Amino acid sequence: MSPEVFYWLTIALKMAIAASVVIAATVAAERAGPLIGALVATLPVSAGPSYFFLAFEQDAAFFSQSALGSLLLNAATAIYATTYVLLSQRHPFMVCVPAAMIAWIGSLFLFSHFFRSGAAAAILNIVVFAACFVLVRRYRDVRMPKIQLRWYDFAFRAGLVGSLVGVILVLHSMMGPLATGALAAFPIVFTSMMLILHQRYGGPACAAVMANGITGLVGFGIAAYVLHASVISLGVPAALTLALCITVAWNLGVFALRRVKR
């Protein structure tokens, strides 16, 4: 087998694995209601596979800057979800989702130009998430209807996630670490859930998942900051493992705390 054929087969395999991970996570999310759905959806099911495959090709310095990009994008994703939640209460899909995407692109552009250090990005996340949490809190408890998934739901999500991972793996050497980290954390799960749930069950039901997701995204932000700060000293495998444990522990803690309050 020629090296070129082997390279593209490897890319295809990585895309398929990443897509399978995301599909499994989103199916579990949709069957468990807004809170559990959001906590599963905010696990690094798209960023994780991208970072995992990049670990075989890049050094710790690249990962440190990529994690900074993911941290900046995390704040932009909170704005993305909040914009959707507020607009979807009264507006159709074709209004609220494009508007949310514009807000996401604009905020990411501003954040990437004005917040270049880990400390600044961490403070940005604290401010953004505090404001977003207050704005969406009242929309978290809408009852989700029972969901019946169709075959094209799986195909659609697999195509989205696989394409994203493929772009990252092919273009990361040209994009640089900051852009790679931002693209790796693109809200692919949120977007796919918006596209499917809003059309089928309405804006308020889908918005409940996004509103609960604001809390879940905090854990990803903490993990991205820890990865940025620790990967040089700990090394890539240990830092990635630590970041994954943080996201899982945060979401489990949020779930346990919410059950206690109820």
C-alpha atoms as a PDB file:
ATOM      1  CA  MET A   1       0.000   0.000   0.000  1.00  0.00           C
ATOM      2  CA  SER A   2       1.385   3.383  -0.980  1.00  0.00           C
ATOM      3  CA  PRO A   3       2.060   5.974   1.763  1.00  0.00           C
ATOM      4  CA  GLU A   4      -0.531   8.329   0.261  1.00  0.00           C
ATOM      5  CA  VAL A   5      -3.283   5.684   0.297  1.00  0.00           C
ATOM      6  CA  PHE A   6      -2.363   4.716   3.858  1.00  0.00           C
ATOM      7  CA  TYR A   7      -2.530   8.367   4.937  1.00  0.00           C
ATOM      8  CA  TRP A   8      -6.048   8.879   3.583  1.00  0.00           C
ATOM      9  CA  LEU A   9      -7.261   5.556   4.993  1.00  0.00           C
ATOM     10  CA  THR A  10      -5.967   6.665   8.392  1.00  0.00           C
ATOM     11  CA  ILE A  11      -7.802   9.982   8.077  1.00  0.00           C
ATOM     12  CA  ALA A  12     -11.019   8.146   7.139  1.00  0.00           C
ATOM     13  CA  LEU A  13     -10.660   5.787  10.114  1.00  0.00           C
ATOM     14  CA  LYS A  14     -10.132   8.690  12.522  1.00  0.00           C
ATOM     15  CA  MET A  15     -13.186  10.491  11.133  1.00  0.00           C
ATOM     16  CA  ALA A  16     -15.320   7.363  11.565  1.00  0.00           C
ATOM     17  CA  ILE A  17     -14.166   6.804  15.154  1.00  0.00           C
ATOM     18  CA  ALA A  18     -14.815  10.420  16.128  1.00  0.00           C
ATOM     19  CA  ALA A  19     -18.252  10.392  14.495  1.00  0.00           C
ATOM     20  CA  SER A  20     -19.169   7.196  16.344  1.00  0.00           C
ATOM     21  CA  VAL A  21     -18.203   8.746  19.677  1.00  0.00           C
ATOM     22  CA  VAL A  22     -20.350  11.824  19.069  1.00  0.00           C
ATOM     23  CA  ILE A  23     -23.351   9.824  17.833  1.00  0.00           C
ATOM     24  CA  ALA A  24     -23.268   7.608  20.921  1.00  0.00           C
ATOM     25  CA  ALA A  25     -23.111  10.645  23.205  1.00  0.00           C
ATOM     26  CA  THR A  26     -25.904  12.590  21.509  1.00  0.00           C
ATOM     27  CA  VAL A  27     -28.244   9.593  21.427  1.00  0.00           C
ATOM     28  CA  ALA A  28     -27.775   9.200  25.181  1.00  0.00           C
ATOM     29  CA  ALA A  29     -28.318  12.928  25.614  1.00  0.00           C
ATOM     30  CA  GLU A  30     -31.602  13.030  23.717  1.00  0.00           C
ATOM     31  CA  ARG A  31     -33.105  10.104  25.585  1.00  0.00           C
ATOM     32  CA  ALA A  32     -32.335  11.421  29.083  1.00  0.00           C
ATOM     33  CA  GLY A  33     -33.966  14.876  29.229  1.00  0.00           C
ATOM     34  CA  PRO A  34     -32.537  18.430  29.298  1.00  0.00           C
ATOM     35  CA  LEU A  35     -30.191  18.132  32.278  1.00  0.00           C
ATOM     36  CA  ILE A  36     -28.631  14.757  31.518  1.00  0.00           C
ATOM     37  CA  GLY A  37     -28.718  15.528  27.816  1.00  0.00           C
ATOM     38  CA  ALA A  38     -26.816  18.763  28.318  1.00  0.00           C
ATOM     39  CA  LEU A  39     -24.233  17.178  30.619  1.00  0.00           C
ATOM     40  CA  VAL A  40     -23.536  14.403  28.123  1.00  0.00           C
ATOM     41  CA  ALA A  41     -23.494  16.858  25.217  1.00  0.00           C
ATOM     42  CA  THR A  42     -20.933  19.102  26.946  1.00  0.00           C
ATOM     43  CA  LEU A  43     -18.434  16.305  27.427  1.00  0.00           C
ATOM     44  CA  PRO A  44     -15.520  16.719  24.986  1.00  0.00           C
ATOM     45  CA  VAL A  45     -16.971  14.236  22.510  1.00  0.00           C
ATOM     46  CA  SER A  46     -15.763  16.223  19.497  1.00  0.00           C
ATOM     47  CA  ALA A  47     -12.733  18.035  20.942  1.00  0.00           C
ATOM     48  CA  GLY A  48     -11.536  14.860  22.676  1.00  0.00           C
ATOM     49  CA  PRO A  49     -11.053  12.717  19.553  1.00  0.00           C
ATOM     50  CA  SER A  50      -9.445  15.636  17.719  1.00  0.00           C
ATOM     51  CA  TYR A  51      -6.958  16.212  20.529  1.00  0.00           C
ATOM     52  CA  PHE A  52      -6.337  12.488  20.877  1.00  0.00           C
ATOM     53  CA  PHE A  53      -5.300  12.092  17.250  1.00  0.00           C
ATOM     54  CA  LEU A  54      -3.229  15.258  17.302  1.00  0.00           C
ATOM     55  CA  ALA A  55      -1.304  13.847  20.284  1.00  0.00           C
ATOM     56  CA  PHE A  56       0.468  11.488  17.904  1.00  0.00           C
ATOM     57  CA  GLU A  57       1.664  14.374  15.721  1.00  0.00           C
ATOM     58  CA  GLN A  58       2.233  17.489  17.866  1.00  0.00           C
ATOM     59  CA  ASP A  59       4.327  18.491  20.868  1.00  0.00           C
ATOM     60  CA  ALA A  60       3.358  19.980  24.231  1.00  0.00           C
ATOM     61  CA  ALA A  61       3.875  23.593  23.121  1.00  0.00           C
ATOM     62  CA  PHE A  62       1.386  23.126  20.283  1.00  0.00           C
ATOM     63  CA  PHE A  63      -1.142  21.641  22.713  1.00  0.00           C
ATOM     64  CA  SER A  64      -0.722  24.510  25.146  1.00  0.00           C
ATOM     65  CA  GLN A  65      -1.668  27.047  22.495  1.00  0.00           C
ATOM     66  CA  SER A  66      -4.429  24.827  21.115  1.00  0.00           C
ATOM     67  CA  ALA A  67      -5.979  24.599  24.583  1.00  0.00           C
ATOM     68  CA  LEU A  68      -5.909  28.392  24.776  1.00  0.00           C
ATOM     69  CA  GLY A  69      -7.874  28.481  21.514  1.00  0.00           C
ATOM     70  CA  SER A  70     -10.391  26.013  22.952  1.00  0.00           C
ATOM     71  CA  LEU A  71     -10.735  28.149  26.089  1.00  0.00           C
ATOM     72  CA  LEU A  72     -11.522  31.236  24.023  1.00  0.00           C
ATOM     73  CA  LEU A  73     -13.983  29.298  21.912  1.00  0.00           C
ATOM     74  CA  ASN A  74     -15.663  27.987  25.052  1.00  0.00           C
ATOM     75  CA  ALA A  75     -16.651  31.536  26.005  1.00  0.00           C
ATOM     76  CA  ALA A  76     -17.909  32.127  22.465  1.00  0.00           C
ATOM     77  CA  THR A  77     -19.933  28.901  22.652  1.00  0.00           C
ATOM     78  CA  ALA A  78     -21.642  30.125  25.824  1.00  0.00           C
ATOM     79  CA  ILE A  79     -22.701  33.234  23.904  1.00  0.00           C
ATOM     80  CA  TYR A  80     -23.786  31.032  21.002  1.00  0.00           C
ATOM     81  CA  ALA A  81     -26.000  28.882  23.239  1.00  0.00           C
ATOM     82  CA  THR A  82     -27.395  31.863  25.156  1.00  0.00           C
ATOM     83  CA  THR A  83     -28.308  33.716  21.977  1.00  0.00           C
ATOM     84  CA  TYR A  84     -30.127  30.644  20.714  1.00  0.00           C
ATOM     85  CA  VAL A  85     -31.971  30.107  24.008  1.00  0.00           C
ATOM     86  CA  LEU A  86     -33.258  33.681  24.119  1.00  0.00           C
ATOM     87  CA  LEU A  87     -34.291  33.841  20.462  1.00  0.00           C
ATOM     88  CA  SER A  88     -35.801  30.360  20.198  1.00  0.00           C
ATOM     89  CA  GLN A  89     -38.572  31.137  22.665  1.00  0.00           C
ATOM     90  CA  ARG A  90     -40.432  33.159  20.016  1.00  0.00           C
ATOM     91  CA  HIS A  91     -38.572  32.923  16.720  1.00  0.00           C
ATOM     92  CA  PRO A  92     -38.339  30.157  14.097  1.00  0.00           C
ATOM     93  CA  PHE A  93     -35.308  28.032  13.447  1.00  0.00           C
ATOM     94  CA  MET A  94     -34.197  30.064  10.416  1.00  0.00           C
ATOM     95  CA  VAL A  95     -33.898  33.174  12.583  1.00  0.00           C
ATOM     96  CA  CYS A  96     -32.429  32.020  15.873  1.00  0.00           C
ATOM     97  CA  VAL A  97     -29.783  29.546  14.672  1.00  0.00           C
ATOM     98  CA  PRO A  98     -28.145  31.844  12.059  1.00  0.00           C
ATOM     99  CA  ALA A  99     -28.282  34.728  14.547  1.00  0.00           C
ATOM    100  CA  ALA A 100     -26.628  32.558  17.195  1.00  0.00           C
ATOM    101  CA  MET A 101     -23.933  31.544  14.702  1.00  0.00           C
ATOM    102  CA  ILE A 102     -23.237  35.195  13.860  1.00  0.00           C
ATOM    103  CA  ALA A 103     -22.915  35.962  17.566  1.00  0.00           C
ATOM    104  CA  TRP A 104     -20.524  33.022  17.927  1.00  0.00           C
ATOM    105  CA  ILE A 105     -18.327  34.068  15.010  1.00  0.00           C
ATOM    106  CA  GLY A 106     -18.227  37.698  16.109  1.00  0.00           C
ATOM    107  CA  SER A 107     -17.394  36.925  19.725  1.00  0.00           C
ATOM    108  CA  LEU A 108     -14.710  34.410  18.763  1.00  0.00           C
ATOM    109  CA  PHE A 109     -13.104  36.963  16.436  1.00  0.00           C
ATOM    110  CA  LEU A 110     -12.994  39.564  19.206  1.00  0.00           C
ATOM    111  CA  PHE A 111     -11.804  37.150  21.882  1.00  0.00           C
ATOM    112  CA  SER A 112      -8.980  35.749  19.742  1.00  0.00           C
ATOM    113  CA  HIS A 113      -7.647  39.254  19.069  1.00  0.00           C
ATOM    114  CA  PHE A 114      -7.828  40.694  22.577  1.00  0.00           C
ATOM    115  CA  PHE A 115      -7.258  37.750  24.926  1.00  0.00           C
ATOM    116  CA  ARG A 116      -3.904  36.147  24.213  1.00  0.00           C
ATOM    117  CA  SER A 117      -2.923  34.700  27.601  1.00  0.00           C
ATOM    118  CA  GLY A 118      -4.341  31.869  29.651  1.00  0.00           C
ATOM    119  CA  ALA A 119      -5.108  34.138  32.610  1.00  0.00           C
ATOM    120  CA  ALA A 120      -6.979  36.644  30.441  1.00  0.00           C
ATOM    121  CA  ALA A 121      -8.954  33.853  28.748  1.00  0.00           C
ATOM    122  CA  ALA A 122      -9.862  32.354  32.131  1.00  0.00           C
ATOM    123  CA  ILE A 123     -11.153  35.709  33.434  1.00  0.00           C
ATOM    124  CA  LEU A 124     -13.103  36.144  30.199  1.00  0.00           C
ATOM    125  CA  ASN A 125     -14.774  32.770  30.727  1.00  0.00           C
ATOM    126  CA  ILE A 126     -15.751  33.640  34.302  1.00  0.00           C
ATOM    127  CA  VAL A 127     -17.392  36.914  33.234  1.00  0.00           C
ATOM    128  CA  VAL A 128     -19.145  35.469  30.176  1.00  0.00           C
ATOM    129  CA  PHE A 129     -20.481  32.394  31.951  1.00  0.00           C
ATOM    130  CA  ALA A 130     -21.749  34.363  34.924  1.00  0.00           C
ATOM    131  CA  ALA A 131     -23.759  36.604  32.611  1.00  0.00           C
ATOM    132  CA  CYS A 132     -25.010  33.736  30.440  1.00  0.00           C
ATOM    133  CA  PHE A 133     -26.066  31.651  33.435  1.00  0.00           C
ATOM    134  CA  VAL A 134     -28.253  34.467  34.726  1.00  0.00           C
ATOM    135  CA  LEU A 135     -29.850  34.988  31.306  1.00  0.00           C
ATOM    136  CA  VAL A 136     -30.789  31.350  30.638  1.00  0.00           C
ATOM    137  CA  ARG A 137     -31.596  30.079  34.115  1.00  0.00           C
ATOM    138  CA  ARG A 138     -35.368  30.454  33.754  1.00  0.00           C
ATOM    139  CA  TYR A 139     -35.452  28.309  30.588  1.00  0.00           C
ATOM    140  CA  ARG A 140     -33.768  25.154  31.933  1.00  0.00           C
ATOM    141  CA  ASP A 141     -36.730  23.092  33.128  1.00  0.00           C
ATOM    142  CA  VAL A 142     -38.907  22.589  30.043  1.00  0.00           C
ATOM    143  CA  ARG A 143     -40.043  18.966  29.730  1.00  0.00           C
ATOM    144  CA  MET A 144     -38.501  17.136  26.795  1.00  0.00           C
ATOM    145  CA  PRO A 145     -40.866  14.956  24.709  1.00  0.00           C
ATOM    146  CA  LYS A 146     -39.983  11.351  23.996  1.00  0.00           C
ATOM    147  CA  ILE A 147     -37.629  11.272  21.025  1.00  0.00           C
ATOM    148  CA  GLN A 148     -37.615   8.786  18.182  1.00  0.00           C
ATOM    149  CA  LEU A 149     -34.423   8.970  16.170  1.00  0.00           C
ATOM    150  CA  ARG A 150     -34.435   8.304  12.440  1.00  0.00           C
ATOM    151  CA  TRP A 151     -31.640   6.881  10.351  1.00  0.00           C
ATOM    152  CA  TYR A 152     -30.806  10.215   8.737  1.00  0.00           C
ATOM    153  CA  ASP A 153     -30.233  11.771  12.180  1.00  0.00           C
ATOM    154  CA  PHE A 154     -27.287   9.423  12.591  1.00  0.00           C
ATOM    155  CA  ALA A 155     -26.031  10.036   9.059  1.00  0.00           C
ATOM    156  CA  PHE A 156     -26.274  13.809   9.501  1.00  0.00           C
ATOM    157  CA  ARG A 157     -24.318  13.843  12.752  1.00  0.00           C
ATOM    158  CA  ALA A 158     -21.725  11.404  11.484  1.00  0.00           C
ATOM    159  CA  GLY A 159     -21.155  13.639   8.458  1.00  0.00           C
ATOM    160  CA  LEU A 160     -20.825  16.793  10.558  1.00  0.00           C
ATOM    161  CA  VAL A 161     -18.397  15.357  13.091  1.00  0.00           C
ATOM    162  CA  GLY A 162     -16.409  13.327  10.614  1.00  0.00           C
ATOM    163  CA  SER A 163     -15.966  16.342   8.357  1.00  0.00           C
ATOM    164  CA  LEU A 164     -14.825  18.506  11.255  1.00  0.00           C
ATOM    165  CA  VAL A 165     -12.238  15.987  12.431  1.00  0.00           C
ATOM    166  CA  GLY A 166     -11.041  15.495   8.861  1.00  0.00           C
ATOM    167  CA  VAL A 167     -10.571  19.235   8.360  1.00  0.00           C
ATOM    168  CA  ILE A 168      -8.647  19.511  11.632  1.00  0.00           C
ATOM    169  CA  LEU A 169      -6.332  16.607  10.804  1.00  0.00           C
ATOM    170  CA  VAL A 170      -5.646  17.764   7.262  1.00  0.00           C
ATOM    171  CA  LEU A 171      -5.321  21.508   7.867  1.00  0.00           C
ATOM    172  CA  HIS A 172      -3.938  21.845  11.389  1.00  0.00           C
ATOM    173  CA  SER A 173      -0.370  22.300  10.154  1.00  0.00           C
ATOM    174  CA  MET A 174      -1.504  25.316   8.103  1.00  0.00           C
ATOM    175  CA  MET A 175      -3.862  26.809  10.677  1.00  0.00           C
ATOM    176  CA  GLY A 176      -1.524  26.980  13.650  1.00  0.00           C
ATOM    177  CA  PRO A 177      -2.187  25.813  17.204  1.00  0.00           C
ATOM    178  CA  LEU A 178      -4.613  28.577  18.287  1.00  0.00           C
ATOM    179  CA  ALA A 179      -6.952  28.077  15.326  1.00  0.00           C
ATOM    180  CA  THR A 180      -6.650  24.292  15.635  1.00  0.00           C
ATOM    181  CA  GLY A 181      -7.753  24.405  19.260  1.00  0.00           C
ATOM    182  CA  ALA A 182     -10.675  26.670  18.402  1.00  0.00           C
ATOM    183  CA  LEU A 183     -11.821  24.440  15.537  1.00  0.00           C
ATOM    184  CA  ALA A 184     -11.414  21.306  17.669  1.00  0.00           C
ATOM    185  CA  ALA A 185     -13.870  22.736  20.208  1.00  0.00           C
ATOM    186  CA  PHE A 186     -16.428  23.882  17.608  1.00  0.00           C
ATOM    187  CA  PRO A 187     -19.907  23.314  19.127  1.00  0.00           C
ATOM    188  CA  ILE A 188     -20.727  20.474  16.760  1.00  0.00           C
ATOM    189  CA  VAL A 189     -22.961  18.654  19.254  1.00  0.00           C
ATOM    190  CA  PHE A 190     -24.949  21.780  20.126  1.00  0.00           C
ATOM    191  CA  THR A 191     -25.375  22.631  16.457  1.00  0.00           C
ATOM    192  CA  SER A 192     -26.546  19.155  15.463  1.00  0.00           C
ATOM    193  CA  MET A 193     -29.003  19.086  18.358  1.00  0.00           C
ATOM    194  CA  MET A 194     -30.369  22.501  17.384  1.00  0.00           C
ATOM    195  CA  LEU A 195     -30.848  21.430  13.789  1.00  0.00           C
ATOM    196  CA  ILE A 196     -32.714  18.259  14.757  1.00  0.00           C
ATOM    197  CA  LEU A 197     -34.560  19.085  17.983  1.00  0.00           C
ATOM    198  CA  HIS A 198     -35.773  22.575  17.090  1.00  0.00           C
ATOM    199  CA  GLN A 199     -37.416  21.427  13.877  1.00  0.00           C
ATOM    200  CA  ARG A 200     -39.042  18.403  15.486  1.00  0.00           C
ATOM    201  CA  TYR A 201     -40.013  19.554  18.982  1.00  0.00           C
ATOM    202  CA  GLY A 202     -39.861  23.348  18.953  1.00  0.00           C
ATOM    203  CA  GLY A 203     -37.548  26.026  20.270  1.00  0.00           C
ATOM    204  CA  PRO A 204     -38.341  25.926  24.023  1.00  0.00           C
ATOM    205  CA  ALA A 205     -37.672  22.174  24.321  1.00  0.00           C
ATOM    206  CA  CYS A 206     -34.349  22.435  22.495  1.00  0.00           C
ATOM    207  CA  ALA A 207     -33.484  25.621  24.390  1.00  0.00           C
ATOM    208  CA  ALA A 208     -33.826  23.734  27.681  1.00  0.00           C
ATOM    209  CA  VAL A 209     -30.916  21.498  26.653  1.00  0.00           C
ATOM    210  CA  MET A 210     -28.817  24.482  25.583  1.00  0.00           C
ATOM    211  CA  ALA A 211     -29.628  26.352  28.824  1.00  0.00           C
ATOM    212  CA  ASN A 212     -28.503  23.406  30.933  1.00  0.00           C
ATOM    213  CA  GLY A 213     -25.449  23.137  28.715  1.00  0.00           C
ATOM    214  CA  ILE A 214     -24.147  26.488  29.947  1.00  0.00           C
ATOM    215  CA  THR A 215     -23.377  24.862  33.297  1.00  0.00           C
ATOM    216  CA  GLY A 216     -21.770  21.863  31.629  1.00  0.00           C
ATOM    217  CA  LEU A 217     -19.510  24.061  29.509  1.00  0.00           C
ATOM    218  CA  VAL A 218     -17.900  25.459  32.652  1.00  0.00           C
ATOM    219  CA  GLY A 219     -16.235  22.097  33.194  1.00  0.00           C
ATOM    220  CA  PHE A 220     -14.833  22.104  29.675  1.00  0.00           C
ATOM    221  CA  GLY A 221     -13.440  25.593  30.259  1.00  0.00           C
ATOM    222  CA  ILE A 222     -11.687  24.466  33.444  1.00  0.00           C
ATOM    223  CA  ALA A 223     -10.271  21.458  31.603  1.00  0.00           C
ATOM    224  CA  ALA A 224      -9.020  23.611  28.711  1.00  0.00           C
ATOM    225  CA  TYR A 225      -7.287  25.993  31.105  1.00  0.00           C
ATOM    226  CA  VAL A 226      -5.657  23.113  33.014  1.00  0.00           C
ATOM    227  CA  LEU A 227      -4.487  21.588  29.734  1.00  0.00           C
ATOM    228  CA  HIS A 228      -3.052  24.941  28.646  1.00  0.00           C
ATOM    229  CA  ALA A 229      -1.231  25.459  31.950  1.00  0.00           C
ATOM    230  CA  SER A 230      -0.016  21.918  32.641  1.00  0.00           C
ATOM    231  CA  VAL A 231       0.803  20.240  29.339  1.00  0.00           C
ATOM    232  CA  ILE A 232       4.371  21.586  29.213  1.00  0.00           C
ATOM    233  CA  SER A 233       5.245  20.207  32.637  1.00  0.00           C
ATOM    234  CA  LEU A 234       3.141  17.041  32.668  1.00  0.00           C
ATOM    235  CA  GLY A 235       3.445  16.036  29.037  1.00  0.00           C
ATOM    236  CA  VAL A 236       0.670  15.493  26.506  1.00  0.00           C
ATOM    237  CA  PRO A 237      -0.729  12.100  27.641  1.00  0.00           C
ATOM    238  CA  ALA A 238      -0.955  13.016  31.331  1.00  0.00           C
ATOM    239  CA  ALA A 239      -2.365  16.494  30.686  1.00  0.00           C
ATOM    240  CA  LEU A 240      -5.017  15.182  28.286  1.00  0.00           C
ATOM    241  CA  THR A 241      -6.040  12.508  30.786  1.00  0.00           C
ATOM    242  CA  LEU A 242      -6.288  15.089  33.558  1.00  0.00           C
ATOM    243  CA  ALA A 243      -8.411  17.385  31.377  1.00  0.00           C
ATOM    244  CA  LEU A 244     -10.787  14.534  30.519  1.00  0.00           C
ATOM    245  CA  CYS A 245     -11.156  13.587  34.188  1.00  0.00           C
ATOM    246  CA  ILE A 246     -12.006  17.194  35.038  1.00  0.00           C
ATOM    247  CA  THR A 247     -14.847  17.387  32.510  1.00  0.00           C
ATOM    248  CA  VAL A 248     -16.331  14.081  33.663  1.00  0.00           C
ATOM    249  CA  ALA A 249     -16.002  14.947  37.358  1.00  0.00           C
ATOM    250  CA  TRP A 250     -17.560  18.391  36.838  1.00  0.00           C
ATOM    251  CA  ASN A 251     -20.601  17.056  35.009  1.00  0.00           C
ATOM    252  CA  LEU A 252     -21.127  14.282  37.552  1.00  0.00           C
ATOM    253  CA  GLY A 253     -20.904  16.870  40.312  1.00  0.00           C
ATOM    254  CA  VAL A 254     -23.454  19.134  38.605  1.00  0.00           C
ATOM    255  CA  PHE A 255     -25.838  16.213  38.202  1.00  0.00           C
ATOM    256  CA  ALA A 256     -25.466  15.153  41.847  1.00  0.00           C
ATOM    257  CA  LEU A 257     -25.958  18.709  43.099  1.00  0.00           C
ATOM    258  CA  ARG A 258     -29.089  19.225  40.997  1.00  0.00           C
ATOM    259  CA  ARG A 259     -30.593  15.986  42.315  1.00  0.00           C
ATOM    260  CA  VAL A 260     -29.921  17.049  45.889  1.00  0.00           C
ATOM    261  CA  LYS A 261     -31.621  20.420  45.297  1.00  0.00           C
ATOM    262  CA  ARG A 262     -34.672  18.733  43.827  1.00  0.00           C
END
